[in-house]
Amino acid sequence: NVINSSFSVVIGKLLGMNYSEIKKGLQSAEI
């Protein structure tokens, strides 16, 4: 799940998101 999460971080960066936005999104994830 760490690996799965890392994919979402990279996609966020590719789409111009900043660190705080990505971090907040990961913390609130519902699976």
Full PDB file with SEQRES, HELIX, SHEET, SSBOND, CRYST1, ORIGX, SCALE, CONECT and MASTER records, all heavy atoms in Angstrom:
SEQRES   1 A   31  ASN VAL ILE ASN SER SER PHE SER VAL VAL ILE GLY LYS          
SEQRES   2 A   31  LEU LEU GLY MET ASN TYR SER GLU ILE LYS LYS GLY LEU          
SEQRES   3 A   31  GLN SER ALA GLU ILE                                          
HELIX    1 AA1 VAL A    2  LEU A   14  1                                  13    
HELIX    2 AA2 TYR A   19  GLN A   27  1                                   9    
CRYST1    1.000    1.000    1.000  90.00  90.00  90.00 P 1           1          
ORIGX1      1.000000  0.000000  0.000000        0.00000                         
ORIGX2      0.000000  1.000000  0.000000        0.00000                         
ORIGX3      0.000000  0.000000  1.000000        0.00000                         
SCALE1      1.000000  0.000000  0.000000        0.00000                         
SCALE2      0.000000  1.000000  0.000000        0.00000                         
SCALE3      0.000000  0.000000  1.000000        0.00000                         
ATOM      1  N   ASN A   1       0.818  -1.213   0.000  1.00  0.00           N  
ATOM      2  CA  ASN A   1       0.000   0.000   0.000  1.00  0.00           C  
ATOM      3  C   ASN A   1       0.855   1.268   0.000  1.00  0.00           C  
ATOM      4  O   ASN A   1       0.408   2.313  -0.471  1.00  0.00           O  
ATOM      5  CB  ASN A   1      -0.946  -0.007   1.196  1.00  0.00           C  
ATOM      6  CG  ASN A   1      -2.160  -0.877   0.936  1.00  0.00           C  
ATOM      7  OD1 ASN A   1      -2.685  -0.909  -0.177  1.00  0.00           O  
ATOM      8  ND2 ASN A   1      -2.603  -1.598   1.942  1.00  0.00           N  
ATOM      9  N   VAL A   2       2.062   1.183   0.512  1.00  0.00           N  
ATOM     10  CA  VAL A   2       3.006   2.301   0.376  1.00  0.00           C  
ATOM     11  C   VAL A   2       3.345   2.500  -1.097  1.00  0.00           C  
ATOM     12  O   VAL A   2       3.376   3.629  -1.598  1.00  0.00           O  
ATOM     13  CB  VAL A   2       4.281   2.035   1.208  1.00  0.00           C  
ATOM     14  CG1 VAL A   2       5.382   3.029   0.847  1.00  0.00           C  
ATOM     15  CG2 VAL A   2       3.964   2.118   2.702  1.00  0.00           C  
ATOM     16  N   ILE A   3       3.581   1.396  -1.796  1.00  0.00           N  
ATOM     17  CA  ILE A   3       3.871   1.479  -3.238  1.00  0.00           C  
ATOM     18  C   ILE A   3       2.677   2.069  -3.983  1.00  0.00           C  
ATOM     19  O   ILE A   3       2.815   2.981  -4.809  1.00  0.00           O  
ATOM     20  CB  ILE A   3       4.236   0.092  -3.794  1.00  0.00           C  
ATOM     21  CG1 ILE A   3       5.522  -0.425  -3.138  1.00  0.00           C  
ATOM     22  CG2 ILE A   3       4.399   0.137  -5.315  1.00  0.00           C  
ATOM     23  CD1 ILE A   3       5.785  -1.901  -3.357  1.00  0.00           C  
ATOM     24  N   ASN A   4       1.463   1.560  -3.667  1.00  0.00           N  
ATOM     25  CA  ASN A   4       0.255   2.091  -4.299  1.00  0.00           C  
ATOM     26  C   ASN A   4       0.106   3.588  -4.035  1.00  0.00           C  
ATOM     27  O   ASN A   4      -0.285   4.358  -4.924  1.00  0.00           O  
ATOM     28  CB  ASN A   4      -0.978   1.353  -3.784  1.00  0.00           C  
ATOM     29  CG  ASN A   4      -0.989  -0.122  -4.153  1.00  0.00           C  
ATOM     30  OD1 ASN A   4      -0.339  -0.530  -5.111  1.00  0.00           O  
ATOM     31  ND2 ASN A   4      -1.708  -0.923  -3.402  1.00  0.00           N  
ATOM     32  N   SER A   5       0.419   4.003  -2.816  1.00  0.00           N  
ATOM     33  CA  SER A   5       0.312   5.421  -2.453  1.00  0.00           C  
ATOM     34  C   SER A   5       1.315   6.272  -3.222  1.00  0.00           C  
ATOM     35  O   SER A   5       1.018   7.408  -3.596  1.00  0.00           O  
ATOM     36  CB  SER A   5       0.543   5.593  -0.949  1.00  0.00           C  
ATOM     37  OG  SER A   5      -0.414   4.879  -0.203  1.00  0.00           O  
ATOM     38  N   SER A   6       2.486   5.712  -3.457  1.00  0.00           N  
ATOM     39  CA  SER A   6       3.516   6.483  -4.160  1.00  0.00           C  
ATOM     40  C   SER A   6       3.085   6.814  -5.589  1.00  0.00           C  
ATOM     41  O   SER A   6       3.423   7.877  -6.124  1.00  0.00           O  
ATOM     42  CB  SER A   6       4.843   5.716  -4.173  1.00  0.00           C  
ATOM     43  OG  SER A   6       4.769   4.562  -4.993  1.00  0.00           O  
ATOM     44  N   PHE A   7       2.317   5.916  -6.212  1.00  0.00           N  
ATOM     45  CA  PHE A   7       1.803   6.215  -7.555  1.00  0.00           C  
ATOM     46  C   PHE A   7       0.937   7.471  -7.539  1.00  0.00           C  
ATOM     47  O   PHE A   7       1.009   8.312  -8.435  1.00  0.00           O  
ATOM     48  CB  PHE A   7       0.978   5.041  -8.095  1.00  0.00           C  
ATOM     49  CG  PHE A   7       1.736   3.756  -8.246  1.00  0.00           C  
ATOM     50  CD1 PHE A   7       1.162   2.547  -7.880  1.00  0.00           C  
ATOM     51  CD2 PHE A   7       3.019   3.736  -8.770  1.00  0.00           C  
ATOM     52  CE1 PHE A   7       1.836   1.351  -8.027  1.00  0.00           C  
ATOM     53  CE2 PHE A   7       3.720   2.538  -8.926  1.00  0.00           C  
ATOM     54  CZ  PHE A   7       3.127   1.348  -8.551  1.00  0.00           C  
ATOM     55  N   SER A   8       0.105   7.593  -6.495  1.00  0.00           N  
ATOM     56  CA  SER A   8      -0.794   8.750  -6.421  1.00  0.00           C  
ATOM     57  C   SER A   8      -0.020  10.039  -6.187  1.00  0.00           C  
ATOM     58  O   SER A   8      -0.404  11.113  -6.675  1.00  0.00           O  
ATOM     59  CB  SER A   8      -1.839   8.540  -5.320  1.00  0.00           C  
ATOM     60  OG  SER A   8      -1.247   8.508  -4.043  1.00  0.00           O  
ATOM     61  N   VAL A   9       1.094   9.955  -5.444  1.00  0.00           N  
ATOM     62  CA  VAL A   9       1.931  11.134  -5.230  1.00  0.00           C  
ATOM     63  C   VAL A   9       2.500  11.614  -6.571  1.00  0.00           C  
ATOM     64  O   VAL A   9       2.458  12.809  -6.885  1.00  0.00           O  
ATOM     65  CB  VAL A   9       3.091  10.820  -4.256  1.00  0.00           C  
ATOM     66  CG1 VAL A   9       4.060  11.994  -4.175  1.00  0.00           C  
ATOM     67  CG2 VAL A   9       2.549  10.484  -2.863  1.00  0.00           C  
ATOM     68  N   VAL A  10       3.009  10.669  -7.355  1.00  0.00           N  
ATOM     69  CA  VAL A  10       3.635  11.038  -8.631  1.00  0.00           C  
ATOM     70  C   VAL A  10       2.606  11.610  -9.606  1.00  0.00           C  
ATOM     71  O   VAL A  10       2.871  12.613 -10.279  1.00  0.00           O  
ATOM     72  CB  VAL A  10       4.366   9.826  -9.244  1.00  0.00           C  
ATOM     73  CG1 VAL A  10       4.979  10.207 -10.591  1.00  0.00           C  
ATOM     74  CG2 VAL A  10       5.455   9.335  -8.297  1.00  0.00           C  
ATOM     75  N   ILE A  11       1.421  11.006  -9.679  1.00  0.00           N  
ATOM     76  CA  ILE A  11       0.366  11.552 -10.541  1.00  0.00           C  
ATOM     77  C   ILE A  11       0.018  12.973 -10.122  1.00  0.00           C  
ATOM     78  O   ILE A  11      -0.150  13.876 -10.954  1.00  0.00           O  
ATOM     79  CB  ILE A  11      -0.891  10.656 -10.490  1.00  0.00           C  
ATOM     80  CG1 ILE A  11      -0.715   9.441 -11.396  1.00  0.00           C  
ATOM     81  CG2 ILE A  11      -2.129  11.427 -10.909  1.00  0.00           C  
ATOM     82  CD1 ILE A  11      -0.831   9.728 -12.874  1.00  0.00           C  
ATOM     83  N   GLY A  12      -0.083  13.182  -8.809  1.00  0.00           N  
ATOM     84  CA  GLY A  12      -0.368  14.527  -8.309  1.00  0.00           C  
ATOM     85  C   GLY A  12       0.687  15.529  -8.754  1.00  0.00           C  
ATOM     86  O   GLY A  12       0.374  16.643  -9.188  1.00  0.00           O  
ATOM     87  N   LYS A  13       1.944  15.128  -8.678  1.00  0.00           N  
ATOM     88  CA  LYS A  13       3.035  16.020  -9.094  1.00  0.00           C  
ATOM     89  C   LYS A  13       2.987  16.295 -10.602  1.00  0.00           C  
ATOM     90  O   LYS A  13       3.211  17.419 -11.048  1.00  0.00           O  
ATOM     91  CB  LYS A  13       4.382  15.420  -8.693  1.00  0.00           C  
ATOM     92  CG  LYS A  13       4.655  15.464  -7.187  1.00  0.00           C  
ATOM     93  CD  LYS A  13       6.012  14.886  -6.851  1.00  0.00           C  
ATOM     94  CE  LYS A  13       6.302  15.011  -5.360  1.00  0.00           C  
ATOM     95  NZ  LYS A  13       6.469  16.423  -4.931  1.00  0.00           N  
ATOM     96  N   LEU A  14       2.690  15.253 -11.387  1.00  0.00           N  
ATOM     97  CA  LEU A  14       2.592  15.444 -12.830  1.00  0.00           C  
ATOM     98  C   LEU A  14       1.493  16.443 -13.201  1.00  0.00           C  
ATOM     99  O   LEU A  14       1.590  17.154 -14.201  1.00  0.00           O  
ATOM    100  CB  LEU A  14       2.313  14.105 -13.521  1.00  0.00           C  
ATOM    101  CG  LEU A  14       3.451  13.089 -13.592  1.00  0.00           C  
ATOM    102  CD1 LEU A  14       2.971  11.808 -14.265  1.00  0.00           C  
ATOM    103  CD2 LEU A  14       4.660  13.651 -14.321  1.00  0.00           C  
ATOM    104  N   LEU A  15       0.462  16.481 -12.355  1.00  0.00           N  
ATOM    105  CA  LEU A  15      -0.666  17.377 -12.616  1.00  0.00           C  
ATOM    106  C   LEU A  15      -0.546  18.705 -11.883  1.00  0.00           C  
ATOM    107  O   LEU A  15      -1.506  19.460 -11.773  1.00  0.00           O  
ATOM    108  CB  LEU A  15      -1.972  16.671 -12.247  1.00  0.00           C  
ATOM    109  CG  LEU A  15      -2.375  15.571 -13.229  1.00  0.00           C  
ATOM    110  CD1 LEU A  15      -3.452  14.674 -12.648  1.00  0.00           C  
ATOM    111  CD2 LEU A  15      -2.845  16.181 -14.532  1.00  0.00           C  
ATOM    112  N   GLY A  16       0.666  18.998 -11.368  1.00  0.00           N  
ATOM    113  CA  GLY A  16       0.937  20.319 -10.812  1.00  0.00           C  
ATOM    114  C   GLY A  16       0.492  20.556  -9.385  1.00  0.00           C  
ATOM    115  O   GLY A  16       0.404  21.712  -8.940  1.00  0.00           O  
ATOM    116  N   MET A  17       0.217  19.495  -8.636  1.00  0.00           N  
ATOM    117  CA  MET A  17      -0.200  19.664  -7.243  1.00  0.00           C  
ATOM    118  C   MET A  17       1.016  19.876  -6.351  1.00  0.00           C  
ATOM    119  O   MET A  17       2.113  19.389  -6.638  1.00  0.00           O  
ATOM    120  CB  MET A  17      -0.989  18.441  -6.778  1.00  0.00           C  
ATOM    121  CG  MET A  17      -2.300  18.243  -7.527  1.00  0.00           C  
ATOM    122  SD  MET A  17      -3.234  16.800  -6.952  1.00  0.00           S  
ATOM    123  CE  MET A  17      -3.701  17.325  -5.279  1.00  0.00           C  
ATOM    124  N   ASN A  18       0.813  20.597  -5.246  1.00  0.00           N  
ATOM    125  CA  ASN A  18       1.916  20.843  -4.318  1.00  0.00           C  
ATOM    126  C   ASN A  18       1.915  19.795  -3.198  1.00  0.00           C  
ATOM    127  O   ASN A  18       0.986  18.992  -3.064  1.00  0.00           O  
ATOM    128  CB  ASN A  18       1.861  22.261  -3.754  1.00  0.00           C  
ATOM    129  CG  ASN A  18       0.593  22.549  -2.961  1.00  0.00           C  
ATOM    130  OD1 ASN A  18       0.123  21.711  -2.190  1.00  0.00           O  
ATOM    131  ND2 ASN A  18       0.035  23.741  -3.143  1.00  0.00           N  
ATOM    132  N   TYR A  19       2.962  19.828  -2.398  1.00  0.00           N  
ATOM    133  CA  TYR A  19       3.169  18.822  -1.350  1.00  0.00           C  
ATOM    134  C   TYR A  19       2.010  18.775  -0.359  1.00  0.00           C  
ATOM    135  O   TYR A  19       1.515  17.693  -0.011  1.00  0.00           O  
ATOM    136  CB  TYR A  19       4.480  19.114  -0.619  1.00  0.00           C  
ATOM    137  CG  TYR A  19       4.709  18.275   0.624  1.00  0.00           C  
ATOM    138  CD1 TYR A  19       4.962  16.912   0.532  1.00  0.00           C  
ATOM    139  CD2 TYR A  19       4.662  18.860   1.902  1.00  0.00           C  
ATOM    140  CE1 TYR A  19       5.173  16.143   1.663  1.00  0.00           C  
ATOM    141  CE2 TYR A  19       4.871  18.106   3.039  1.00  0.00           C  
ATOM    142  CZ  TYR A  19       5.123  16.746   2.921  1.00  0.00           C  
ATOM    143  OH  TYR A  19       5.322  15.992   4.049  1.00  0.00           O  
ATOM    144  N   SER A  20       1.532  19.925   0.107  1.00  0.00           N  
ATOM    145  CA  SER A  20       0.474  19.943   1.120  1.00  0.00           C  
ATOM    146  C   SER A  20      -0.835  19.381   0.577  1.00  0.00           C  
ATOM    147  O   SER A  20      -1.575  18.691   1.296  1.00  0.00           O  
ATOM    148  CB  SER A  20       0.268  21.366   1.658  1.00  0.00           C  
ATOM    149  OG  SER A  20      -0.114  22.241   0.623  1.00  0.00           O  
ATOM    150  N   GLU A  21      -1.133  19.651  -0.692  1.00  0.00           N  
ATOM    151  CA  GLU A  21      -2.353  19.115  -1.301  1.00  0.00           C  
ATOM    152  C   GLU A  21      -2.281  17.595  -1.394  1.00  0.00           C  
ATOM    153  O   GLU A  21      -3.244  16.888  -1.065  1.00  0.00           O  
ATOM    154  CB  GLU A  21      -2.544  19.712  -2.697  1.00  0.00           C  
ATOM    155  CG  GLU A  21      -2.913  21.183  -2.705  1.00  0.00           C  
ATOM    156  CD  GLU A  21      -2.839  21.810  -4.087  1.00  0.00           C  
ATOM    157  OE1 GLU A  21      -2.053  21.306  -4.933  1.00  0.00           O  
ATOM    158  OE2 GLU A  21      -3.556  22.797  -4.327  1.00  0.00           O  
ATOM    159  N   ILE A  22      -1.142  17.091  -1.850  1.00  0.00           N  
ATOM    160  CA  ILE A  22      -0.977  15.638  -1.991  1.00  0.00           C  
ATOM    161  C   ILE A  22      -1.021  14.956  -0.630  1.00  0.00           C  
ATOM    162  O   ILE A  22      -1.689  13.929  -0.446  1.00  0.00           O  
ATOM    163  CB  ILE A  22       0.344  15.321  -2.716  1.00  0.00           C  
ATOM    164  CG1 ILE A  22       0.302  15.861  -4.149  1.00  0.00           C  
ATOM    165  CG2 ILE A  22       0.629  13.820  -2.719  1.00  0.00           C  
ATOM    166  CD1 ILE A  22       1.626  15.803  -4.879  1.00  0.00           C  
ATOM    167  N   LYS A  23      -0.317  15.529   0.331  1.00  0.00           N  
ATOM    168  CA  LYS A  23      -0.270  14.956   1.681  1.00  0.00           C  
ATOM    169  C   LYS A  23      -1.661  14.886   2.298  1.00  0.00           C  
ATOM    170  O   LYS A  23      -2.057  13.869   2.885  1.00  0.00           O  
ATOM    171  CB  LYS A  23       0.657  15.797   2.559  1.00  0.00           C  
ATOM    172  CG  LYS A  23       0.859  15.246   3.959  1.00  0.00           C  
ATOM    173  CD  LYS A  23       1.852  16.105   4.742  1.00  0.00           C  
ATOM    174  CE  LYS A  23       2.065  15.534   6.144  1.00  0.00           C  
ATOM    175  NZ  LYS A  23       3.020  16.363   6.918  1.00  0.00           N  
ATOM    176  N   LYS A  24      -2.436  15.955   2.154  1.00  0.00           N  
ATOM    177  CA  LYS A  24      -3.796  15.990   2.697  1.00  0.00           C  
ATOM    178  C   LYS A  24      -4.675  14.936   2.033  1.00  0.00           C  
ATOM    179  O   LYS A  24      -5.450  14.246   2.695  1.00  0.00           O  
ATOM    180  CB  LYS A  24      -4.389  17.383   2.491  1.00  0.00           C  
ATOM    181  CG  LYS A  24      -5.791  17.548   3.064  1.00  0.00           C  
ATOM    182  CD  LYS A  24      -6.321  18.952   2.815  1.00  0.00           C  
ATOM    183  CE  LYS A  24      -7.748  19.089   3.325  1.00  0.00           C  
ATOM    184  NZ  LYS A  24      -8.313  20.433   3.012  1.00  0.00           N  
ATOM    185  N   GLY A  25      -4.539  14.802   0.707  1.00  0.00           N  
ATOM    186  CA  GLY A  25      -5.328  13.814  -0.011  1.00  0.00           C  
ATOM    187  C   GLY A  25      -5.037  12.392   0.431  1.00  0.00           C  
ATOM    188  O   GLY A  25      -5.958  11.584   0.608  1.00  0.00           O  
ATOM    189  N   LEU A  26      -3.770  12.074   0.647  1.00  0.00           N  
ATOM    190  CA  LEU A  26      -3.406  10.731   1.105  1.00  0.00           C  
ATOM    191  C   LEU A  26      -3.948  10.437   2.499  1.00  0.00           C  
ATOM    192  O   LEU A  26      -4.424   9.336   2.782  1.00  0.00           O  
ATOM    193  CB  LEU A  26      -1.878  10.570   1.114  1.00  0.00           C  
ATOM    194  CG  LEU A  26      -1.207  10.167  -0.189  1.00  0.00           C  
ATOM    195  CD1 LEU A  26       0.292  10.005   0.032  1.00  0.00           C  
ATOM    196  CD2 LEU A  26      -1.791   8.878  -0.737  1.00  0.00           C  
ATOM    197  N   GLN A  27      -3.873  11.417   3.374  1.00  0.00           N  
ATOM    198  CA  GLN A  27      -4.317  11.216   4.752  1.00  0.00           C  
ATOM    199  C   GLN A  27      -5.815  10.949   4.856  1.00  0.00           C  
ATOM    200  O   GLN A  27      -6.271  10.274   5.776  1.00  0.00           O  
ATOM    201  CB  GLN A  27      -3.940  12.429   5.606  1.00  0.00           C  
ATOM    202  CG  GLN A  27      -2.442  12.533   5.891  1.00  0.00           C  
ATOM    203  CD  GLN A  27      -2.071  13.810   6.615  1.00  0.00           C  
ATOM    204  OE1 GLN A  27      -2.727  14.847   6.472  1.00  0.00           O  
ATOM    205  NE2 GLN A  27      -1.006  13.763   7.392  1.00  0.00           N  
ATOM    206  N   SER A  28      -6.583  11.465   3.904  1.00  0.00           N  
ATOM    207  CA  SER A  28      -8.043  11.325   3.969  1.00  0.00           C  
ATOM    208  C   SER A  28      -8.572  10.215   3.064  1.00  0.00           C  
ATOM    209  O   SER A  28      -9.776  10.106   2.848  1.00  0.00           O  
ATOM    210  CB  SER A  28      -8.708  12.650   3.585  1.00  0.00           C  
ATOM    211  OG  SER A  28      -8.374  13.014   2.249  1.00  0.00           O  
ATOM    212  N   ALA A  29      -7.683   9.387   2.540  1.00  0.00           N  
ATOM    213  CA  ALA A  29      -8.093   8.363   1.574  1.00  0.00           C  
ATOM    214  C   ALA A  29      -9.061   7.354   2.176  1.00  0.00           C  
ATOM    215  O   ALA A  29      -8.881   6.896   3.302  1.00  0.00           O  
ATOM    216  CB  ALA A  29      -6.864   7.646   1.026  1.00  0.00           C  
ATOM    217  N   GLU A  30     -10.095   7.012   1.414  1.00  0.00           N  
ATOM    218  CA  GLU A  30     -11.043   5.964   1.782  1.00  0.00           C  
ATOM    219  C   GLU A  30     -10.931   4.842   0.757  1.00  0.00           C  
ATOM    220  O   GLU A  30     -11.105   5.077  -0.436  1.00  0.00           O  
ATOM    221  CB  GLU A  30     -12.471   6.516   1.823  1.00  0.00           C  
ATOM    222  CG  GLU A  30     -12.688   7.552   2.924  1.00  0.00           C  
ATOM    223  CD  GLU A  30     -14.119   8.031   2.983  1.00  0.00           C  
ATOM    224  OE1 GLU A  30     -14.954   7.480   2.236  1.00  0.00           O  
ATOM    225  OE2 GLU A  30     -14.398   8.954   3.759  1.00  0.00           O  
ATOM    226  N   ILE A  31     -10.663   3.642   1.233  1.00  0.00           N  
ATOM    227  CA  ILE A  31     -10.384   2.514   0.350  1.00  0.00           C  
ATOM    228  C   ILE A  31     -11.630   1.642   0.195  1.00  0.00           C  
ATOM    229  O   ILE A  31     -12.394   1.457   1.147  1.00  0.00           O  
ATOM    230  CB  ILE A  31      -9.216   1.674   0.907  1.00  0.00           C  
ATOM    231  CG1 ILE A  31      -7.996   2.571   1.122  1.00  0.00           C  
ATOM    232  CG2 ILE A  31      -8.865   0.521  -0.016  1.00  0.00           C  
ATOM    233  CD1 ILE A  31      -7.512   3.304  -0.110  1.00  0.00           C  
TER     234      ILE A  31                                                      
MASTER        0    0    0    2    0    0    0    6  233    1    0    3          
END                                                                             
